[in-house]
Amino acid sequence: MGRHILVVEDDDGIAVPLMRTLDREGYVVERVAEGAAALERAGDDVDLVVLDLGLPDMDGLDVCRRLREQDFEGGIVILTARDGELDRVVGLDVGADDYIAKPFALAELLARLRALLRRASAVAKEKPADAVRAATPASALLVDVESRRATTAGREVPLSTKEFDLLAQLDARRGVVVTRERLMDEVWDENWFGSTKTLDVTIARLRQKLEESGADVRITTLRGVGFRLDDGAPDA
């Protein structure tokens, strides 16, 4: 069975051709027209949500935020007629993985969706479960790419798809600087057409979640070069 995509769009003129195209591409496609329905429907069986911001019952940014708050870990791609830099940053800050402005070409949207799904699969294969560090302190961060879970002190750190992909890339090379260019290529793929500010926004969100979880790690920024995952909490 193909990957499961939930389309959250109230405009038939956009939703119908999009669903038809996704179905032809082999995806399992489902549609809802309201934010409340999306919050109720999105679950572990949904791999990716295509989310319109202009929904009739609530703002799509609120839907995105609440999806992440209820621990939805799949990808979220926002569709919107709002094309300002501020809206893009806000969308990414509340947990979106990608952002495409209307009107859009279906070919470009498909490329974005394929890239997002491909990165999620590739990261999961990069490091086997038996390579996860064992016999470590209770506050140590453990990243399991097969189950796509990051835990510390026995508690899972709630991460979005892109946050986990970034963490997995940094954790696989813990203590080594990973360049901005490599992270953009590995996590966002060559099909990403947006600003590299996306990386900074996601890193900031990931750093905050790691600190809030009490994980004994810190993300060190090497300005203009990249990032490094180091052992030891920020205040250590």
C-alpha atoms as a PDB file:
ATOM      1  CA  MET A   1       0.000   0.000   0.000  1.00  0.00           C
ATOM      2  CA  GLY A   2       1.235   3.519  -0.802  1.00  0.00           C
ATOM      3  CA  ARG A   3       2.022   6.246   1.678  1.00  0.00           C
ATOM      4  CA  HIS A   4      -1.050   7.839   3.267  1.00  0.00           C
ATOM      5  CA  ILE A   5      -1.621  11.551   2.580  1.00  0.00           C
ATOM      6  CA  LEU A   6      -4.341  13.625   4.234  1.00  0.00           C
ATOM      7  CA  VAL A   7      -5.437  16.658   2.192  1.00  0.00           C
ATOM      8  CA  VAL A   8      -6.979  19.443   4.291  1.00  0.00           C
ATOM      9  CA  GLU A   9      -8.554  21.801   1.737  1.00  0.00           C
ATOM     10  CA  ASP A  10     -12.062  23.240   1.430  1.00  0.00           C
ATOM     11  CA  ASP A  11     -11.711  24.447  -2.194  1.00  0.00           C
ATOM     12  CA  ASP A  12     -12.911  21.728  -4.590  1.00  0.00           C
ATOM     13  CA  GLY A  13     -11.074  23.427  -7.434  1.00  0.00           C
ATOM     14  CA  ILE A  14      -7.785  22.712  -5.681  1.00  0.00           C
ATOM     15  CA  ALA A  15      -8.579  19.545  -3.729  1.00  0.00           C
ATOM     16  CA  VAL A  16     -10.150  17.460  -6.510  1.00  0.00           C
ATOM     17  CA  PRO A  17      -7.321  17.683  -9.089  1.00  0.00           C
ATOM     18  CA  LEU A  18      -4.735  17.343  -6.314  1.00  0.00           C
ATOM     19  CA  MET A  19      -6.349  14.167  -4.992  1.00  0.00           C
ATOM     20  CA  ARG A  20      -6.689  12.786  -8.507  1.00  0.00           C
ATOM     21  CA  THR A  21      -2.995  13.386  -9.147  1.00  0.00           C
ATOM     22  CA  LEU A  22      -1.894  11.891  -5.837  1.00  0.00           C
ATOM     23  CA  ASP A  23      -4.042   8.834  -6.456  1.00  0.00           C
ATOM     24  CA  ARG A  24      -2.423   8.347  -9.876  1.00  0.00           C
ATOM     25  CA  GLU A  25       0.980   8.577  -8.205  1.00  0.00           C
ATOM     26  CA  GLY A  26       0.077   5.612  -5.991  1.00  0.00           C
ATOM     27  CA  TYR A  27      -0.615   7.408  -2.724  1.00  0.00           C
ATOM     28  CA  VAL A  28      -3.502   6.575  -0.423  1.00  0.00           C
ATOM     29  CA  VAL A  29      -5.382   9.882  -0.359  1.00  0.00           C
ATOM     30  CA  GLU A  30      -8.015  11.161   2.031  1.00  0.00           C
ATOM     31  CA  ARG A  31      -9.586  14.606   2.236  1.00  0.00           C
ATOM     32  CA  VAL A  32     -11.225  16.714   4.907  1.00  0.00           C
ATOM     33  CA  ALA A  33     -12.418  20.298   4.447  1.00  0.00           C
ATOM     34  CA  GLU A  34     -12.151  21.670   7.986  1.00  0.00           C
ATOM     35  CA  GLY A  35      -9.438  22.045  10.584  1.00  0.00           C
ATOM     36  CA  ALA A  36     -11.376  20.278  13.332  1.00  0.00           C
ATOM     37  CA  ALA A  37     -11.808  17.235  11.097  1.00  0.00           C
ATOM     38  CA  ALA A  38      -8.077  17.234  10.340  1.00  0.00           C
ATOM     39  CA  LEU A  39      -7.209  17.263  14.048  1.00  0.00           C
ATOM     40  CA  GLU A  40      -9.555  14.345  14.617  1.00  0.00           C
ATOM     41  CA  ARG A  41      -8.350  12.337  11.607  1.00  0.00           C
ATOM     42  CA  ALA A  42      -4.566  12.777  11.632  1.00  0.00           C
ATOM     43  CA  GLY A  43      -2.975   9.805  13.364  1.00  0.00           C
ATOM     44  CA  ASP A  44      -0.162   7.300  13.162  1.00  0.00           C
ATOM     45  CA  ASP A  45      -1.477   5.886   9.873  1.00  0.00           C
ATOM     46  CA  VAL A  46      -1.121   9.272   8.138  1.00  0.00           C
ATOM     47  CA  ASP A  47       2.356   9.892   6.719  1.00  0.00           C
ATOM     48  CA  LEU A  48       1.860  13.447   5.505  1.00  0.00           C
ATOM     49  CA  VAL A  49      -0.675  16.268   5.741  1.00  0.00           C
ATOM     50  CA  VAL A  50      -1.183  18.796   2.937  1.00  0.00           C
ATOM     51  CA  LEU A  51      -2.711  21.706   4.849  1.00  0.00           C
ATOM     52  CA  ASP A  52      -4.469  24.798   3.499  1.00  0.00           C
ATOM     53  CA  LEU A  53      -4.266  27.866   5.736  1.00  0.00           C
ATOM     54  CA  GLY A  54      -7.604  29.388   4.682  1.00  0.00           C
ATOM     55  CA  LEU A  55      -9.993  26.893   6.232  1.00  0.00           C
ATOM     56  CA  PRO A  56     -13.625  27.782   7.036  1.00  0.00           C
ATOM     57  CA  ASP A  57     -13.562  26.916  10.746  1.00  0.00           C
ATOM     58  CA  MET A  58     -10.049  27.812  11.923  1.00  0.00           C
ATOM     59  CA  ASP A  59      -6.730  29.153  10.735  1.00  0.00           C
ATOM     60  CA  GLY A  60      -4.438  26.532   9.254  1.00  0.00           C
ATOM     61  CA  LEU A  61      -1.542  27.758  11.408  1.00  0.00           C
ATOM     62  CA  ASP A  62      -3.579  26.844  14.487  1.00  0.00           C
ATOM     63  CA  VAL A  63      -4.286  23.437  12.968  1.00  0.00           C
ATOM     64  CA  CYS A  64      -0.566  22.921  12.360  1.00  0.00           C
ATOM     65  CA  ARG A  65       0.325  23.959  15.893  1.00  0.00           C
ATOM     66  CA  ARG A  66      -2.305  21.711  17.445  1.00  0.00           C
ATOM     67  CA  LEU A  67      -1.276  18.747  15.279  1.00  0.00           C
ATOM     68  CA  ARG A  68       2.224  19.012  16.718  1.00  0.00           C
ATOM     69  CA  GLU A  69       0.863  19.509  20.227  1.00  0.00           C
ATOM     70  CA  GLN A  70      -1.072  16.259  19.902  1.00  0.00           C
ATOM     71  CA  ASP A  71       2.183  14.573  18.824  1.00  0.00           C
ATOM     72  CA  PHE A  72       1.485  14.120  15.126  1.00  0.00           C
ATOM     73  CA  GLU A  73       4.925  13.142  13.764  1.00  0.00           C
ATOM     74  CA  GLY A  74       4.179  12.970  10.042  1.00  0.00           C
ATOM     75  CA  GLY A  75       5.123  15.631   7.516  1.00  0.00           C
ATOM     76  CA  ILE A  76       3.116  18.822   7.162  1.00  0.00           C
ATOM     77  CA  VAL A  77       3.156  20.816   3.921  1.00  0.00           C
ATOM     78  CA  ILE A  78       1.292  24.116   4.042  1.00  0.00           C
ATOM     79  CA  LEU A  79      -0.626  25.470   1.044  1.00  0.00           C
ATOM     80  CA  THR A  80      -1.482  29.145   1.152  1.00  0.00           C
ATOM     81  CA  ALA A  81      -2.206  32.297  -0.781  1.00  0.00           C
ATOM     82  CA  ARG A  82      -0.100  34.164   1.803  1.00  0.00           C
ATOM     83  CA  ASP A  83       3.368  34.517   0.324  1.00  0.00           C
ATOM     84  CA  GLY A  84       5.190  36.747   2.805  1.00  0.00           C
ATOM     85  CA  GLU A  85       8.437  35.851   4.561  1.00  0.00           C
ATOM     86  CA  LEU A  86       6.815  36.400   7.962  1.00  0.00           C
ATOM     87  CA  ASP A  87       4.038  33.918   7.188  1.00  0.00           C
ATOM     88  CA  ARG A  88       6.604  31.372   6.043  1.00  0.00           C
ATOM     89  CA  VAL A  89       8.620  31.715   9.238  1.00  0.00           C
ATOM     90  CA  VAL A  90       5.498  31.521  11.417  1.00  0.00           C
ATOM     91  CA  GLY A  91       4.349  28.420   9.557  1.00  0.00           C
ATOM     92  CA  LEU A  92       7.681  26.704  10.064  1.00  0.00           C
ATOM     93  CA  ASP A  93       7.834  27.832  13.669  1.00  0.00           C
ATOM     94  CA  VAL A  94       4.551  26.089  14.512  1.00  0.00           C
ATOM     95  CA  GLY A  95       5.773  22.810  13.045  1.00  0.00           C
ATOM     96  CA  ALA A  96       5.342  22.812   9.267  1.00  0.00           C
ATOM     97  CA  ASP A  97       7.994  21.027   7.223  1.00  0.00           C
ATOM     98  CA  ASP A  98       7.444  22.852   3.941  1.00  0.00           C
ATOM     99  CA  TYR A  99       5.456  25.761   2.561  1.00  0.00           C
ATOM    100  CA  ILE A 100       4.176  26.350  -0.974  1.00  0.00           C
ATOM    101  CA  ALA A 101       2.266  29.399  -2.199  1.00  0.00           C
ATOM    102  CA  LYS A 102      -0.833  29.342  -4.388  1.00  0.00           C
ATOM    103  CA  PRO A 103      -1.112  29.137  -7.300  1.00  0.00           C
ATOM    104  CA  PHE A 104       1.329  26.257  -7.556  1.00  0.00           C
ATOM    105  CA  ALA A 105       2.300  23.727 -10.199  1.00  0.00           C
ATOM    106  CA  LEU A 106       1.273  20.176  -9.335  1.00  0.00           C
ATOM    107  CA  ALA A 107       4.681  18.948 -10.518  1.00  0.00           C
ATOM    108  CA  GLU A 108       6.434  21.177  -7.972  1.00  0.00           C
ATOM    109  CA  LEU A 109       4.122  20.110  -5.155  1.00  0.00           C
ATOM    110  CA  LEU A 110       4.667  16.434  -6.013  1.00  0.00           C
ATOM    111  CA  ALA A 111       8.427  16.990  -5.947  1.00  0.00           C
ATOM    112  CA  ARG A 112       8.151  18.558  -2.489  1.00  0.00           C
ATOM    113  CA  LEU A 113       6.026  15.678  -1.189  1.00  0.00           C
ATOM    114  CA  ARG A 114       8.349  13.045  -2.630  1.00  0.00           C
ATOM    115  CA  ALA A 115      11.369  14.774  -1.125  1.00  0.00           C
ATOM    116  CA  LEU A 116       9.779  14.949   2.315  1.00  0.00           C
ATOM    117  CA  LEU A 117       8.682  11.312   2.280  1.00  0.00           C
ATOM    118  CA  ARG A 118      12.020  10.184   0.847  1.00  0.00           C
ATOM    119  CA  ARG A 119      14.004  11.965   3.550  1.00  0.00           C
ATOM    120  CA  ALA A 120      11.876  10.378   6.274  1.00  0.00           C
ATOM    121  CA  SER A 121      12.551   6.907   4.832  1.00  0.00           C
ATOM    122  CA  ALA A 122      16.252   7.492   4.217  1.00  0.00           C
ATOM    123  CA  VAL A 123      16.990   8.746   7.727  1.00  0.00           C
ATOM    124  CA  ALA A 124      15.195   5.732   9.172  1.00  0.00           C
ATOM    125  CA  LYS A 125      17.607   3.437   7.318  1.00  0.00           C
ATOM    126  CA  GLU A 126      20.789   5.323   8.123  1.00  0.00           C
ATOM    127  CA  LYS A 127      21.493   3.936  11.581  1.00  0.00           C
ATOM    128  CA  PRO A 128      20.219   0.519  12.765  1.00  0.00           C
ATOM    129  CA  ALA A 129      18.569   0.167  16.128  1.00  0.00           C
ATOM    130  CA  ASP A 130      21.444  -1.916  17.520  1.00  0.00           C
ATOM    131  CA  ALA A 131      23.759   1.028  16.878  1.00  0.00           C
ATOM    132  CA  VAL A 132      21.880   3.190  19.380  1.00  0.00           C
ATOM    133  CA  ARG A 133      24.051   3.911  22.382  1.00  0.00           C
ATOM    134  CA  ALA A 134      23.553   1.571  25.285  1.00  0.00           C
ATOM    135  CA  ALA A 135      24.364   1.784  28.997  1.00  0.00           C
ATOM    136  CA  THR A 136      24.310   5.563  29.095  1.00  0.00           C
ATOM    137  CA  PRO A 137      23.269   7.987  31.859  1.00  0.00           C
ATOM    138  CA  ALA A 138      19.554   8.453  32.470  1.00  0.00           C
ATOM    139  CA  SER A 139      19.567  11.941  30.947  1.00  0.00           C
ATOM    140  CA  ALA A 140      21.393  10.850  27.798  1.00  0.00           C
ATOM    141  CA  LEU A 141      19.628  11.326  24.490  1.00  0.00           C
ATOM    142  CA  LEU A 142      18.878   8.133  22.553  1.00  0.00           C
ATOM    143  CA  VAL A 143      17.891   8.425  18.885  1.00  0.00           C
ATOM    144  CA  ASP A 144      16.299   5.368  17.273  1.00  0.00           C
ATOM    145  CA  VAL A 145      16.001   5.999  13.541  1.00  0.00           C
ATOM    146  CA  GLU A 146      14.043   2.813  12.859  1.00  0.00           C
ATOM    147  CA  SER A 147      11.205   3.736  15.183  1.00  0.00           C
ATOM    148  CA  ARG A 148      11.831   7.452  14.594  1.00  0.00           C
ATOM    149  CA  ARG A 149      11.857   8.158  18.330  1.00  0.00           C
ATOM    150  CA  ALA A 150      14.161  10.278  20.440  1.00  0.00           C
ATOM    151  CA  THR A 151      14.054   9.590  24.178  1.00  0.00           C
ATOM    152  CA  THR A 152      15.704  10.844  27.336  1.00  0.00           C
ATOM    153  CA  ALA A 153      15.168   9.520  30.849  1.00  0.00           C
ATOM    154  CA  GLY A 154      12.647   7.077  29.377  1.00  0.00           C
ATOM    155  CA  ARG A 155      10.473   9.871  27.977  1.00  0.00           C
ATOM    156  CA  GLU A 156       9.965  10.561  24.303  1.00  0.00           C
ATOM    157  CA  VAL A 157      10.907  13.984  22.975  1.00  0.00           C
ATOM    158  CA  PRO A 158       7.998  15.137  20.738  1.00  0.00           C
ATOM    159  CA  LEU A 159       9.543  16.097  17.395  1.00  0.00           C
ATOM    160  CA  SER A 160       8.181  16.991  13.984  1.00  0.00           C
ATOM    161  CA  THR A 161       9.427  15.136  10.897  1.00  0.00           C
ATOM    162  CA  LYS A 162      12.039  17.754  10.034  1.00  0.00           C
ATOM    163  CA  GLU A 163      13.132  18.164  13.645  1.00  0.00           C
ATOM    164  CA  PHE A 164      13.733  14.425  13.911  1.00  0.00           C
ATOM    165  CA  ASP A 165      15.537  14.294  10.561  1.00  0.00           C
ATOM    166  CA  LEU A 166      17.859  17.100  11.660  1.00  0.00           C
ATOM    167  CA  LEU A 167      18.502  15.457  15.012  1.00  0.00           C
ATOM    168  CA  ALA A 168      19.222  12.111  13.351  1.00  0.00           C
ATOM    169  CA  GLN A 169      21.754  13.728  11.022  1.00  0.00           C
ATOM    170  CA  LEU A 170      23.494  15.492  13.916  1.00  0.00           C
ATOM    171  CA  ASP A 171      23.358  12.444  16.195  1.00  0.00           C
ATOM    172  CA  ALA A 172      24.839  10.165  13.521  1.00  0.00           C
ATOM    173  CA  ARG A 173      27.885  12.470  13.545  1.00  0.00           C
ATOM    174  CA  ARG A 174      27.824  13.459  17.215  1.00  0.00           C
ATOM    175  CA  GLY A 175      30.762  15.661  18.131  1.00  0.00           C
ATOM    176  CA  VAL A 176      31.470  16.482  14.477  1.00  0.00           C
ATOM    177  CA  VAL A 177      30.437  19.667  12.683  1.00  0.00           C
ATOM    178  CA  VAL A 178      27.748  19.096  10.044  1.00  0.00           C
ATOM    179  CA  THR A 179      27.721  21.924   7.518  1.00  0.00           C
ATOM    180  CA  ARG A 180      24.646  23.960   6.719  1.00  0.00           C
ATOM    181  CA  GLU A 181      24.892  22.828   3.098  1.00  0.00           C
ATOM    182  CA  ARG A 182      24.916  19.156   4.056  1.00  0.00           C
ATOM    183  CA  LEU A 183      21.960  19.535   6.377  1.00  0.00           C
ATOM    184  CA  MET A 184      19.948  21.355   3.705  1.00  0.00           C
ATOM    185  CA  ASP A 185      20.817  18.669   1.126  1.00  0.00           C
ATOM    186  CA  GLU A 186      20.157  15.744   3.450  1.00  0.00           C
ATOM    187  CA  VAL A 187      17.019  17.019   5.192  1.00  0.00           C
ATOM    188  CA  TRP A 188      15.363  19.335   2.672  1.00  0.00           C
ATOM    189  CA  ASP A 189      16.744  17.804  -0.527  1.00  0.00           C
ATOM    190  CA  GLU A 190      17.659  19.478  -3.795  1.00  0.00           C
ATOM    191  CA  ASN A 191      13.975  20.120  -4.448  1.00  0.00           C
ATOM    192  CA  TRP A 192      13.797  22.721  -1.675  1.00  0.00           C
ATOM    193  CA  PHE A 193      13.274  26.171  -3.175  1.00  0.00           C
ATOM    194  CA  GLY A 194      12.852  28.202  -0.010  1.00  0.00           C
ATOM    195  CA  SER A 195      15.113  30.264   2.225  1.00  0.00           C
ATOM    196  CA  THR A 196      17.869  28.677   4.326  1.00  0.00           C
ATOM    197  CA  LYS A 197      16.256  30.520   7.262  1.00  0.00           C
ATOM    198  CA  THR A 198      14.124  27.390   7.394  1.00  0.00           C
ATOM    199  CA  LEU A 199      17.147  25.530   8.796  1.00  0.00           C
ATOM    200  CA  ASP A 200      17.740  28.134  11.504  1.00  0.00           C
ATOM    201  CA  VAL A 201      14.071  28.147  12.538  1.00  0.00           C
ATOM    202  CA  THR A 202      13.977  24.346  12.784  1.00  0.00           C
ATOM    203  CA  ILE A 203      17.290  24.174  14.664  1.00  0.00           C
ATOM    204  CA  ALA A 204      15.992  26.748  17.158  1.00  0.00           C
ATOM    205  CA  ARG A 205      12.822  24.740  17.696  1.00  0.00           C
ATOM    206  CA  LEU A 206      14.801  21.490  18.071  1.00  0.00           C
ATOM    207  CA  ARG A 207      17.242  23.106  20.520  1.00  0.00           C
ATOM    208  CA  GLN A 208      14.358  24.354  22.677  1.00  0.00           C
ATOM    209  CA  LYS A 209      12.699  20.928  22.764  1.00  0.00           C
ATOM    210  CA  LEU A 210      15.956  19.217  23.733  1.00  0.00           C
ATOM    211  CA  GLU A 211      16.524  21.712  26.539  1.00  0.00           C
ATOM    212  CA  GLU A 212      12.938  21.335  27.790  1.00  0.00           C
ATOM    213  CA  SER A 213      13.320  17.533  27.810  1.00  0.00           C
ATOM    214  CA  GLY A 214      16.400  17.745  30.048  1.00  0.00           C
ATOM    215  CA  ALA A 215      18.523  15.799  27.547  1.00  0.00           C
ATOM    216  CA  ASP A 216      22.237  15.845  28.322  1.00  0.00           C
ATOM    217  CA  VAL A 217      23.154  17.265  24.917  1.00  0.00           C
ATOM    218  CA  ARG A 218      23.475  20.678  23.307  1.00  0.00           C
ATOM    219  CA  ILE A 219      23.463  21.924  19.727  1.00  0.00           C
ATOM    220  CA  THR A 220      26.500  24.107  19.130  1.00  0.00           C
ATOM    221  CA  THR A 221      26.353  26.670  16.325  1.00  0.00           C
ATOM    222  CA  LEU A 222      29.464  27.431  14.305  1.00  0.00           C
ATOM    223  CA  ARG A 223      28.403  30.658  12.677  1.00  0.00           C
ATOM    224  CA  GLY A 224      28.513  30.512   8.903  1.00  0.00           C
ATOM    225  CA  VAL A 225      29.655  26.875   8.944  1.00  0.00           C
ATOM    226  CA  GLY A 226      27.126  24.532  10.526  1.00  0.00           C
ATOM    227  CA  PHE A 227      26.054  22.782  13.706  1.00  0.00           C
ATOM    228  CA  ARG A 228      27.420  20.135  16.067  1.00  0.00           C
ATOM    229  CA  LEU A 229      25.629  17.915  18.599  1.00  0.00           C
ATOM    230  CA  ASP A 230      27.726  17.784  21.751  1.00  0.00           C
ATOM    231  CA  ASP A 231      27.325  15.791  24.955  1.00  0.00           C
ATOM    232  CA  GLY A 232      26.493  17.857  28.005  1.00  0.00           C
ATOM    233  CA  ALA A 233      23.509  20.104  28.703  1.00  0.00           C
ATOM    234  CA  PRO A 234      23.771  23.802  27.722  1.00  0.00           C
ATOM    235  CA  ASP A 235      24.329  24.890  31.330  1.00  0.00           C
ATOM    236  CA  ALA A 236      26.880  22.166  32.004  1.00  0.00           C
END
